Amino acid sequence: MVSLTGGNRNDVTQLMPLIEAIPPVRGRRGRPHRRPDAIYADRGYDHDKYRKKVRTAGITPVIARRGVEHGSRLGMHRWVVEQSFALLDWFRRLRIHWEIRDDIHEALLSLACGIICWRRLAEL
């Protein structure tokens, strides 16, 4: 599991622990896949040091460059993540982080995700 970090930490510092925490993908016969083929990221992850680390892990980095004009379409689906954060803001206890223990916060986060899914399925 990826560790919970403070909001004042740079996202790129958690890139490699996130990649290492990817569980095996099951489904087909044979050895399950452990790593994605490519990682798509925005300009916040544009560091040559992390590009090299991702390549050594056997993953192709597709990361937008800073100072280059838009048009790479790498931020095209960002609204999906933003919408997910907006849905989690329905829950005040998650919006304002009161919990001292990380395990309680993660449990509340899982519960909120379950409620959101249940509400979405009930609408169908």
N, C-alpha and C. Protein backbone atom coordinates (compact mmCIF):
# COMPACT_ATOMS: atom_id res chain seq x y z
N MET A 1 0.84 -1.17 0.00
CA MET A 1 0.00 0.00 0.00
C MET A 1 0.89 1.25 0.00
N VAL A 2 0.46 2.26 -0.70
CA VAL A 2 1.19 3.52 -0.78
C VAL A 2 0.98 4.28 0.52
N SER A 3 2.03 4.90 0.99
CA SER A 3 1.91 5.63 2.24
C SER A 3 1.15 6.93 2.05
N LEU A 4 0.49 7.34 3.07
CA LEU A 4 -0.27 8.58 3.07
C LEU A 4 0.70 9.72 3.38
N THR A 5 0.72 10.74 2.55
CA THR A 5 1.64 11.86 2.74
C THR A 5 0.85 13.14 2.95
N GLY A 6 1.54 14.14 3.43
CA GLY A 6 0.92 15.44 3.65
C GLY A 6 0.61 16.15 2.35
N GLY A 7 -0.27 17.11 2.43
CA GLY A 7 -0.66 17.86 1.25
C GLY A 7 0.42 18.79 0.74
N ASN A 8 1.44 19.03 1.55
CA ASN A 8 2.50 19.95 1.14
C ASN A 8 3.67 19.23 0.49
N ARG A 9 3.55 17.95 0.19
CA ARG A 9 4.61 17.18 -0.45
C ARG A 9 4.43 17.23 -1.96
N ASN A 10 5.52 17.21 -2.68
CA ASN A 10 5.48 17.19 -4.13
C ASN A 10 5.05 15.80 -4.59
N ASP A 11 4.13 15.74 -5.56
CA ASP A 11 3.59 14.47 -6.03
C ASP A 11 4.65 13.57 -6.64
N VAL A 12 5.62 14.16 -7.31
CA VAL A 12 6.60 13.35 -8.03
C VAL A 12 7.45 12.51 -7.08
N THR A 13 7.57 12.91 -5.82
CA THR A 13 8.35 12.13 -4.87
C THR A 13 7.68 10.79 -4.54
N GLN A 14 6.39 10.69 -4.78
CA GLN A 14 5.65 9.46 -4.50
C GLN A 14 5.41 8.62 -5.75
N LEU A 15 6.02 9.01 -6.87
CA LEU A 15 5.80 8.28 -8.12
C LEU A 15 6.31 6.84 -8.06
N MET A 16 7.53 6.63 -7.64
CA MET A 16 8.09 5.28 -7.60
C MET A 16 7.42 4.39 -6.54
N PRO A 17 7.15 4.89 -5.32
CA PRO A 17 6.39 4.04 -4.38
C PRO A 17 5.01 3.66 -4.92
N LEU A 18 4.39 4.56 -5.69
CA LEU A 18 3.09 4.25 -6.28
C LEU A 18 3.22 3.14 -7.32
N ILE A 19 4.24 3.23 -8.16
CA ILE A 19 4.46 2.19 -9.17
C ILE A 19 4.76 0.85 -8.51
N GLU A 20 5.56 0.86 -7.46
CA GLU A 20 5.90 -0.39 -6.77
C GLU A 20 4.71 -1.01 -6.05
N ALA A 21 3.70 -0.19 -5.72
CA ALA A 21 2.54 -0.69 -4.99
C ALA A 21 1.43 -1.21 -5.91
N ILE A 22 1.64 -1.17 -7.22
CA ILE A 22 0.62 -1.67 -8.15
C ILE A 22 0.48 -3.17 -7.96
N PRO A 23 -0.74 -3.64 -7.68
CA PRO A 23 -0.92 -5.09 -7.49
C PRO A 23 -0.90 -5.82 -8.83
N PRO A 24 -0.68 -7.14 -8.82
CA PRO A 24 -0.70 -7.89 -10.07
C PRO A 24 -2.07 -7.84 -10.73
N VAL A 25 -2.09 -7.76 -12.05
CA VAL A 25 -3.34 -7.74 -12.80
C VAL A 25 -3.64 -9.17 -13.22
N ARG A 26 -4.74 -9.68 -12.74
CA ARG A 26 -5.10 -11.07 -13.04
C ARG A 26 -6.07 -11.11 -14.20
N GLY A 27 -6.29 -12.27 -14.74
CA GLY A 27 -7.27 -12.42 -15.80
C GLY A 27 -6.84 -13.46 -16.80
N ARG A 28 -5.76 -13.23 -17.49
CA ARG A 28 -5.28 -14.19 -18.47
C ARG A 28 -4.46 -15.28 -17.80
N ARG A 29 -4.28 -16.35 -18.53
CA ARG A 29 -3.42 -17.43 -18.04
C ARG A 29 -1.98 -16.97 -18.03
N GLY A 30 -1.22 -17.56 -17.15
CA GLY A 30 0.19 -17.23 -17.10
C GLY A 30 0.51 -16.24 -16.00
N ARG A 31 1.67 -15.70 -16.12
CA ARG A 31 2.16 -14.79 -15.09
C ARG A 31 1.40 -13.45 -15.14
N PRO A 32 0.86 -12.98 -14.03
CA PRO A 32 0.12 -11.72 -14.05
C PRO A 32 1.06 -10.53 -14.28
N HIS A 33 0.55 -9.53 -14.95
CA HIS A 33 1.31 -8.30 -15.18
C HIS A 33 1.49 -7.55 -13.88
N ARG A 34 2.70 -7.03 -13.63
CA ARG A 34 2.97 -6.26 -12.43
C ARG A 34 3.08 -4.77 -12.72
N ARG A 35 3.39 -4.43 -13.93
CA ARG A 35 3.65 -3.03 -14.25
C ARG A 35 2.86 -2.62 -15.50
N PRO A 36 2.49 -1.35 -15.56
CA PRO A 36 1.85 -0.88 -16.80
C PRO A 36 2.88 -0.74 -17.90
N ASP A 37 2.42 -0.66 -19.13
CA ASP A 37 3.33 -0.46 -20.26
C ASP A 37 3.83 0.97 -20.32
N ALA A 38 2.96 1.92 -19.96
CA ALA A 38 3.32 3.34 -20.04
C ALA A 38 2.64 4.10 -18.92
N ILE A 39 3.23 5.24 -18.58
CA ILE A 39 2.64 6.14 -17.58
C ILE A 39 2.43 7.49 -18.25
N TYR A 40 1.22 8.01 -18.17
CA TYR A 40 0.89 9.31 -18.71
C TYR A 40 0.81 10.30 -17.56
N ALA A 41 1.51 11.42 -17.68
CA ALA A 41 1.55 12.39 -16.58
C ALA A 41 1.62 13.81 -17.12
N ASP A 42 1.26 14.75 -16.27
CA ASP A 42 1.30 16.15 -16.67
C ASP A 42 2.66 16.76 -16.36
N ARG A 43 2.77 18.08 -16.51
CA ARG A 43 4.05 18.77 -16.37
C ARG A 43 4.62 18.73 -14.96
N GLY A 44 3.81 18.45 -13.98
CA GLY A 44 4.30 18.37 -12.61
C GLY A 44 5.28 17.23 -12.39
N TYR A 45 5.27 16.26 -13.29
CA TYR A 45 6.16 15.10 -13.18
C TYR A 45 7.34 15.19 -14.13
N ASP A 46 7.58 16.35 -14.71
CA ASP A 46 8.64 16.53 -15.70
C ASP A 46 9.99 16.72 -15.02
N HIS A 47 10.60 15.61 -14.63
CA HIS A 47 11.94 15.60 -14.04
C HIS A 47 12.71 14.46 -14.70
N ASP A 48 13.88 14.76 -15.24
CA ASP A 48 14.66 13.73 -15.92
C ASP A 48 15.04 12.58 -14.98
N LYS A 49 15.26 12.91 -13.72
CA LYS A 49 15.62 11.88 -12.73
C LYS A 49 14.52 10.82 -12.63
N TYR A 50 13.26 11.26 -12.59
CA TYR A 50 12.15 10.31 -12.46
C TYR A 50 11.83 9.63 -13.79
N ARG A 51 12.08 10.32 -14.90
CA ARG A 51 11.92 9.66 -16.20
C ARG A 51 12.85 8.46 -16.29
N LYS A 52 14.09 8.64 -15.84
CA LYS A 52 15.06 7.54 -15.87
C LYS A 52 14.65 6.40 -14.95
N LYS A 53 14.16 6.75 -13.77
CA LYS A 53 13.71 5.71 -12.83
C LYS A 53 12.55 4.90 -13.40
N VAL A 54 11.63 5.60 -14.06
CA VAL A 54 10.48 4.91 -14.66
C VAL A 54 10.94 4.00 -15.80
N ARG A 55 11.88 4.48 -16.60
CA ARG A 55 12.41 3.66 -17.70
C ARG A 55 13.12 2.42 -17.17
N THR A 56 13.90 2.57 -16.08
CA THR A 56 14.60 1.41 -15.54
C THR A 56 13.62 0.38 -14.96
N ALA A 57 12.42 0.82 -14.61
CA ALA A 57 11.39 -0.11 -14.13
C ALA A 57 10.69 -0.80 -15.30
N GLY A 58 11.09 -0.47 -16.54
CA GLY A 58 10.50 -1.11 -17.70
C GLY A 58 9.21 -0.48 -18.16
N ILE A 59 9.01 0.79 -17.84
CA ILE A 59 7.78 1.49 -18.18
C ILE A 59 8.14 2.69 -19.06
N THR A 60 7.34 2.92 -20.09
CA THR A 60 7.58 4.06 -20.97
C THR A 60 6.94 5.31 -20.37
N PRO A 61 7.72 6.34 -20.05
CA PRO A 61 7.12 7.56 -19.51
C PRO A 61 6.62 8.46 -20.65
N VAL A 62 5.35 8.84 -20.57
CA VAL A 62 4.77 9.80 -21.51
C VAL A 62 4.38 11.01 -20.65
N ILE A 63 5.34 11.90 -20.48
CA ILE A 63 5.19 13.02 -19.56
C ILE A 63 5.33 14.32 -20.34
N ALA A 64 4.39 15.22 -20.15
CA ALA A 64 4.44 16.52 -20.83
C ALA A 64 5.67 17.30 -20.36
N ARG A 65 6.28 18.00 -21.27
CA ARG A 65 7.46 18.82 -20.96
C ARG A 65 7.05 20.22 -20.54
N ARG A 66 7.78 20.78 -19.61
CA ARG A 66 7.55 22.17 -19.21
C ARG A 66 8.05 23.09 -20.32
N GLY A 67 7.37 24.19 -20.53
CA GLY A 67 7.80 25.17 -21.51
C GLY A 67 7.42 24.82 -22.94
N VAL A 68 6.79 23.68 -23.15
CA VAL A 68 6.37 23.28 -24.48
C VAL A 68 4.88 23.58 -24.61
N GLU A 69 4.50 24.06 -25.78
CA GLU A 69 3.11 24.43 -26.01
C GLU A 69 2.19 23.23 -25.82
N HIS A 70 0.98 23.50 -25.34
CA HIS A 70 0.00 22.43 -25.17
C HIS A 70 -0.34 21.84 -26.53
N GLY A 71 -0.93 20.72 -26.53
CA GLY A 71 -1.27 20.04 -27.77
C GLY A 71 -0.92 18.56 -27.69
N SER A 72 -0.26 18.18 -26.59
CA SER A 72 0.07 16.78 -26.42
C SER A 72 -1.12 15.97 -25.96
N ARG A 73 -2.18 16.64 -25.53
CA ARG A 73 -3.43 16.03 -25.07
C ARG A 73 -3.23 15.19 -23.81
N LEU A 74 -2.16 15.44 -23.06
CA LEU A 74 -1.90 14.65 -21.87
C LEU A 74 -2.80 15.01 -20.69
N GLY A 75 -3.35 16.21 -20.66
CA GLY A 75 -4.24 16.58 -19.56
C GLY A 75 -5.70 16.50 -19.93
N MET A 76 -6.00 15.79 -20.99
CA MET A 76 -7.33 15.77 -21.54
C MET A 76 -8.37 15.16 -20.60
N HIS A 77 -8.01 14.15 -19.84
CA HIS A 77 -8.98 13.45 -18.98
C HIS A 77 -8.81 13.79 -17.51
N ARG A 78 -8.23 14.92 -17.21
CA ARG A 78 -8.02 15.31 -15.83
C ARG A 78 -9.33 15.50 -15.08
N TRP A 79 -10.38 15.87 -15.78
CA TRP A 79 -11.65 16.13 -15.13
C TRP A 79 -12.18 14.92 -14.39
N VAL A 80 -11.80 13.72 -14.79
CA VAL A 80 -12.26 12.51 -14.10
C VAL A 80 -11.74 12.51 -12.66
N VAL A 81 -10.47 12.85 -12.48
CA VAL A 81 -9.88 12.91 -11.14
C VAL A 81 -10.51 14.05 -10.34
N GLU A 82 -10.66 15.20 -10.97
CA GLU A 82 -11.25 16.35 -10.28
C GLU A 82 -12.69 16.05 -9.85
N GLN A 83 -13.44 15.34 -10.69
CA GLN A 83 -14.80 14.97 -10.34
C GLN A 83 -14.81 14.02 -9.14
N SER A 84 -13.85 13.12 -9.09
CA SER A 84 -13.76 12.19 -7.96
C SER A 84 -13.48 12.93 -6.66
N PHE A 85 -12.60 13.91 -6.72
CA PHE A 85 -12.34 14.72 -5.52
C PHE A 85 -13.58 15.51 -5.11
N ALA A 86 -14.33 16.01 -6.08
CA ALA A 86 -15.55 16.75 -5.78
C ALA A 86 -16.58 15.84 -5.11
N LEU A 87 -16.68 14.60 -5.57
CA LEU A 87 -17.61 13.66 -4.95
C LEU A 87 -17.20 13.35 -3.51
N LEU A 88 -15.91 13.23 -3.27
CA LEU A 88 -15.44 12.96 -1.91
C LEU A 88 -15.63 14.16 -0.99
N ASP A 89 -15.74 15.35 -1.57
CA ASP A 89 -15.99 16.56 -0.76
C ASP A 89 -17.39 16.58 -0.18
N TRP A 90 -18.27 15.69 -0.63
CA TRP A 90 -19.59 15.58 -0.01
C TRP A 90 -19.47 15.19 1.46
N PHE A 91 -18.40 14.50 1.79
CA PHE A 91 -18.22 13.97 3.13
C PHE A 91 -17.32 14.90 3.92
N ARG A 92 -17.91 15.64 4.86
CA ARG A 92 -17.19 16.68 5.58
C ARG A 92 -15.98 16.14 6.33
N ARG A 93 -16.11 14.96 6.84
CA ARG A 93 -15.02 14.38 7.62
C ARG A 93 -13.79 14.09 6.76
N LEU A 94 -14.00 13.90 5.47
CA LEU A 94 -12.88 13.72 4.55
C LEU A 94 -12.39 15.06 3.98
N ARG A 95 -13.32 16.00 3.83
CA ARG A 95 -12.96 17.30 3.27
C ARG A 95 -12.03 18.04 4.21
N ILE A 96 -12.35 18.01 5.49
CA ILE A 96 -11.50 18.61 6.51
C ILE A 96 -10.91 17.45 7.30
N HIS A 97 -9.65 17.25 7.15
CA HIS A 97 -8.97 16.07 7.71
C HIS A 97 -8.81 16.22 9.22
N TRP A 98 -9.72 15.59 9.98
CA TRP A 98 -9.67 15.66 11.44
C TRP A 98 -8.93 14.49 12.05
N GLU A 99 -8.88 13.40 11.34
CA GLU A 99 -8.33 12.16 11.90
C GLU A 99 -6.82 12.24 12.09
N ILE A 100 -6.36 11.79 13.23
CA ILE A 100 -4.93 11.75 13.50
C ILE A 100 -4.33 10.46 12.94
N ARG A 101 -5.07 9.37 13.09
CA ARG A 101 -4.57 8.08 12.63
C ARG A 101 -4.90 7.89 11.15
N ASP A 102 -3.90 7.46 10.39
CA ASP A 102 -4.07 7.26 8.96
C ASP A 102 -5.02 6.12 8.63
N ASP A 103 -5.03 5.08 9.45
CA ASP A 103 -5.88 3.93 9.15
C ASP A 103 -7.36 4.29 9.24
N ILE A 104 -7.70 5.17 10.17
CA ILE A 104 -9.10 5.60 10.29
C ILE A 104 -9.48 6.44 9.08
N HIS A 105 -8.59 7.32 8.66
CA HIS A 105 -8.86 8.15 7.49
C HIS A 105 -9.04 7.27 6.24
N GLU A 106 -8.20 6.27 6.07
CA GLU A 106 -8.32 5.38 4.91
C GLU A 106 -9.60 4.56 4.98
N ALA A 107 -10.02 4.17 6.18
CA ALA A 107 -11.27 3.43 6.33
C ALA A 107 -12.46 4.32 5.94
N LEU A 108 -12.44 5.57 6.39
CA LEU A 108 -13.52 6.50 6.03
C LEU A 108 -13.51 6.77 4.52
N LEU A 109 -12.34 6.84 3.94
CA LEU A 109 -12.23 7.04 2.49
C LEU A 109 -12.83 5.85 1.74
N SER A 110 -12.55 4.64 2.18
CA SER A 110 -13.13 3.45 1.55
C SER A 110 -14.64 3.43 1.71
N LEU A 111 -15.11 3.79 2.87
CA LEU A 111 -16.55 3.84 3.11
C LEU A 111 -17.22 4.88 2.20
N ALA A 112 -16.61 6.05 2.07
CA ALA A 112 -17.16 7.09 1.20
C ALA A 112 -17.19 6.63 -0.26
N CYS A 113 -16.15 5.95 -0.71
CA CYS A 113 -16.13 5.45 -2.08
C CYS A 113 -17.23 4.42 -2.30
N GLY A 114 -17.46 3.58 -1.30
CA GLY A 114 -18.55 2.60 -1.39
C GLY A 114 -19.91 3.27 -1.47
N ILE A 115 -20.12 4.31 -0.67
CA ILE A 115 -21.40 5.04 -0.68
C ILE A 115 -21.60 5.72 -2.03
N ILE A 116 -20.53 6.31 -2.57
CA ILE A 116 -20.63 6.98 -3.87
C ILE A 116 -21.02 5.97 -4.95
N CYS A 117 -20.37 4.81 -4.95
CA CYS A 117 -20.70 3.78 -5.94
C CYS A 117 -22.13 3.29 -5.77
N TRP A 118 -22.56 3.09 -4.53
CA TRP A 118 -23.92 2.63 -4.27
C TRP A 118 -24.94 3.64 -4.77
N ARG A 119 -24.70 4.93 -4.53
CA ARG A 119 -25.62 5.97 -5.00
C ARG A 119 -25.66 6.01 -6.53
N ARG A 120 -24.50 5.85 -7.18
CA ARG A 120 -24.45 5.87 -8.64
C ARG A 120 -25.20 4.67 -9.22
N LEU A 121 -25.06 3.51 -8.61
CA LEU A 121 -25.75 2.32 -9.11
C LEU A 121 -27.23 2.38 -8.85
N ALA A 122 -27.64 3.04 -7.77
CA ALA A 122 -29.05 3.16 -7.45
C ALA A 122 -29.77 4.04 -8.47
N GLU A 123 -29.03 4.96 -9.10
CA GLU A 123 -29.62 5.84 -10.11
C GLU A 123 -29.92 5.12 -11.42
N LEU A 124 -29.25 3.99 -11.65
CA LEU A 124 -29.43 3.27 -12.93
C LEU A 124 -30.73 2.59 -13.01
